[in-house]
Amino acid sequence: MPPTEGSMRERIRQVSLELFTERGYDGTSLREIAEHRPATLSALGEIPGIGRAKLDAYGRAVLEGMAQR
């Protein structure tokens, strides 16, 4: 069964707090990630607030964190 939006949002929040709170991600980016549920680096990079530097530095970890059950 796919995760609910609430559980996905919590998982994303945990990953983001561990990886990049100090690097400029904010609540807006987190909401966008939870709503769009990107499955690829390209899709993650299309979310406002996630530029190339953040994508390169943290993108794979974010996607892996979202994929963990």
C-alpha atoms as a PDB file:
ATOM      1  CA  MET A   1       0.000   0.000   0.000  1.00  0.00           C
ATOM      2  CA  PRO A   2       1.444   3.430  -0.912  1.00  0.00           C
ATOM      3  CA  PRO A   3       2.235   5.740   1.966  1.00  0.00           C
ATOM      4  CA  THR A   4      -0.338   8.366   2.824  1.00  0.00           C
ATOM      5  CA  GLU A   5       0.423  12.014   2.199  1.00  0.00           C
ATOM      6  CA  GLY A   6       0.763  12.499   5.967  1.00  0.00           C
ATOM      7  CA  SER A   7       3.301   9.705   6.389  1.00  0.00           C
ATOM      8  CA  MET A   8       5.193  10.843   3.288  1.00  0.00           C
ATOM      9  CA  ARG A   9       5.298  14.399   4.611  1.00  0.00           C
ATOM     10  CA  GLU A  10       6.671  13.185   7.945  1.00  0.00           C
ATOM     11  CA  ARG A  11       9.332  11.072   6.242  1.00  0.00           C
ATOM     12  CA  ILE A  12      10.387  14.019   4.094  1.00  0.00           C
ATOM     13  CA  ARG A  13      10.478  16.250   7.166  1.00  0.00           C
ATOM     14  CA  GLN A  14      12.753  13.851   9.012  1.00  0.00           C
ATOM     15  CA  VAL A  15      15.137  13.519   6.087  1.00  0.00           C
ATOM     16  CA  SER A  16      15.256  17.240   5.516  1.00  0.00           C
ATOM     17  CA  LEU A  17      15.920  18.056   9.147  1.00  0.00           C
ATOM     18  CA  GLU A  18      18.812  15.630   9.213  1.00  0.00           C
ATOM     19  CA  LEU A  19      20.330  16.659   5.902  1.00  0.00           C
ATOM     20  CA  PHE A  20      19.706  20.251   5.042  1.00  0.00           C
ATOM     21  CA  THR A  21      17.939  22.412   7.600  1.00  0.00           C
ATOM     22  CA  GLU A  22      21.038  24.547   7.791  1.00  0.00           C
ATOM     23  CA  ARG A  23      21.398  24.627   4.000  1.00  0.00           C
ATOM     24  CA  GLY A  24      18.381  26.763   3.147  1.00  0.00           C
ATOM     25  CA  TYR A  25      15.444  24.437   2.641  1.00  0.00           C
ATOM     26  CA  ASP A  26      12.291  25.817   4.175  1.00  0.00           C
ATOM     27  CA  GLY A  27       8.710  24.786   4.903  1.00  0.00           C
ATOM     28  CA  THR A  28       7.581  25.717   1.419  1.00  0.00           C
ATOM     29  CA  SER A  29      10.067  23.346  -0.187  1.00  0.00           C
ATOM     30  CA  LEU A  30       9.000  20.558   2.159  1.00  0.00           C
ATOM     31  CA  ARG A  31       5.323  21.037   1.343  1.00  0.00           C
ATOM     32  CA  GLU A  32       6.093  21.061  -2.364  1.00  0.00           C
ATOM     33  CA  ILE A  33       8.117  17.844  -2.081  1.00  0.00           C
ATOM     34  CA  ALA A  34       5.320  16.140  -0.127  1.00  0.00           C
ATOM     35  CA  GLU A  35       2.662  17.269  -2.578  1.00  0.00           C
ATOM     36  CA  HIS A  36       4.553  16.365  -5.744  1.00  0.00           C
ATOM     37  CA  ARG A  37       6.257  13.200  -4.460  1.00  0.00           C
ATOM     38  CA  PRO A  38       9.061  13.381  -7.017  1.00  0.00           C
ATOM     39  CA  ALA A  39      10.539  10.035  -8.006  1.00  0.00           C
ATOM     40  CA  THR A  40      13.495  11.343 -10.002  1.00  0.00           C
ATOM     41  CA  LEU A  41      16.204  13.937  -9.546  1.00  0.00           C
ATOM     42  CA  SER A  42      14.794  15.821 -12.512  1.00  0.00           C
ATOM     43  CA  ALA A  43      11.337  16.033 -10.926  1.00  0.00           C
ATOM     44  CA  LEU A  44      12.820  17.048  -7.567  1.00  0.00           C
ATOM     45  CA  GLY A  45      14.804  19.778  -9.286  1.00  0.00           C
ATOM     46  CA  GLU A  46      11.623  21.295 -10.715  1.00  0.00           C
ATOM     47  CA  ILE A  47      10.324  22.127  -7.236  1.00  0.00           C
ATOM     48  CA  PRO A  48      10.676  25.817  -6.347  1.00  0.00           C
ATOM     49  CA  GLY A  49      13.460  26.449  -3.849  1.00  0.00           C
ATOM     50  CA  ILE A  50      15.516  23.457  -4.904  1.00  0.00           C
ATOM     51  CA  GLY A  51      18.303  24.690  -7.090  1.00  0.00           C
ATOM     52  CA  ARG A  52      21.119  22.780  -8.734  1.00  0.00           C
ATOM     53  CA  ALA A  53      23.419  22.994  -5.687  1.00  0.00           C
ATOM     54  CA  LYS A  54      20.824  21.497  -3.316  1.00  0.00           C
ATOM     55  CA  LEU A  55      19.824  18.920  -5.874  1.00  0.00           C
ATOM     56  CA  ASP A  56      23.424  17.826  -6.403  1.00  0.00           C
ATOM     57  CA  ALA A  57      24.226  17.801  -2.690  1.00  0.00           C
ATOM     58  CA  TYR A  58      21.060  16.246  -1.265  1.00  0.00           C
ATOM     59  CA  GLY A  59      18.765  15.082  -4.041  1.00  0.00           C
ATOM     60  CA  ARG A  60      19.639  11.385  -3.955  1.00  0.00           C
ATOM     61  CA  ALA A  61      19.402  11.273  -0.158  1.00  0.00           C
ATOM     62  CA  VAL A  62      15.979  12.940  -0.254  1.00  0.00           C
ATOM     63  CA  LEU A  63      14.682  10.466  -2.827  1.00  0.00           C
ATOM     64  CA  GLU A  64      16.152   7.520  -0.924  1.00  0.00           C
ATOM     65  CA  GLY A  65      14.624   8.779   2.320  1.00  0.00           C
ATOM     66  CA  MET A  66      11.234   9.046   0.653  1.00  0.00           C
ATOM     67  CA  ALA A  67      11.542   5.520  -0.715  1.00  0.00           C
ATOM     68  CA  GLN A  68      12.261   3.939   2.676  1.00  0.00           C
ATOM     69  CA  ARG A  69       9.302   2.302   4.316  1.00  0.00           C
END
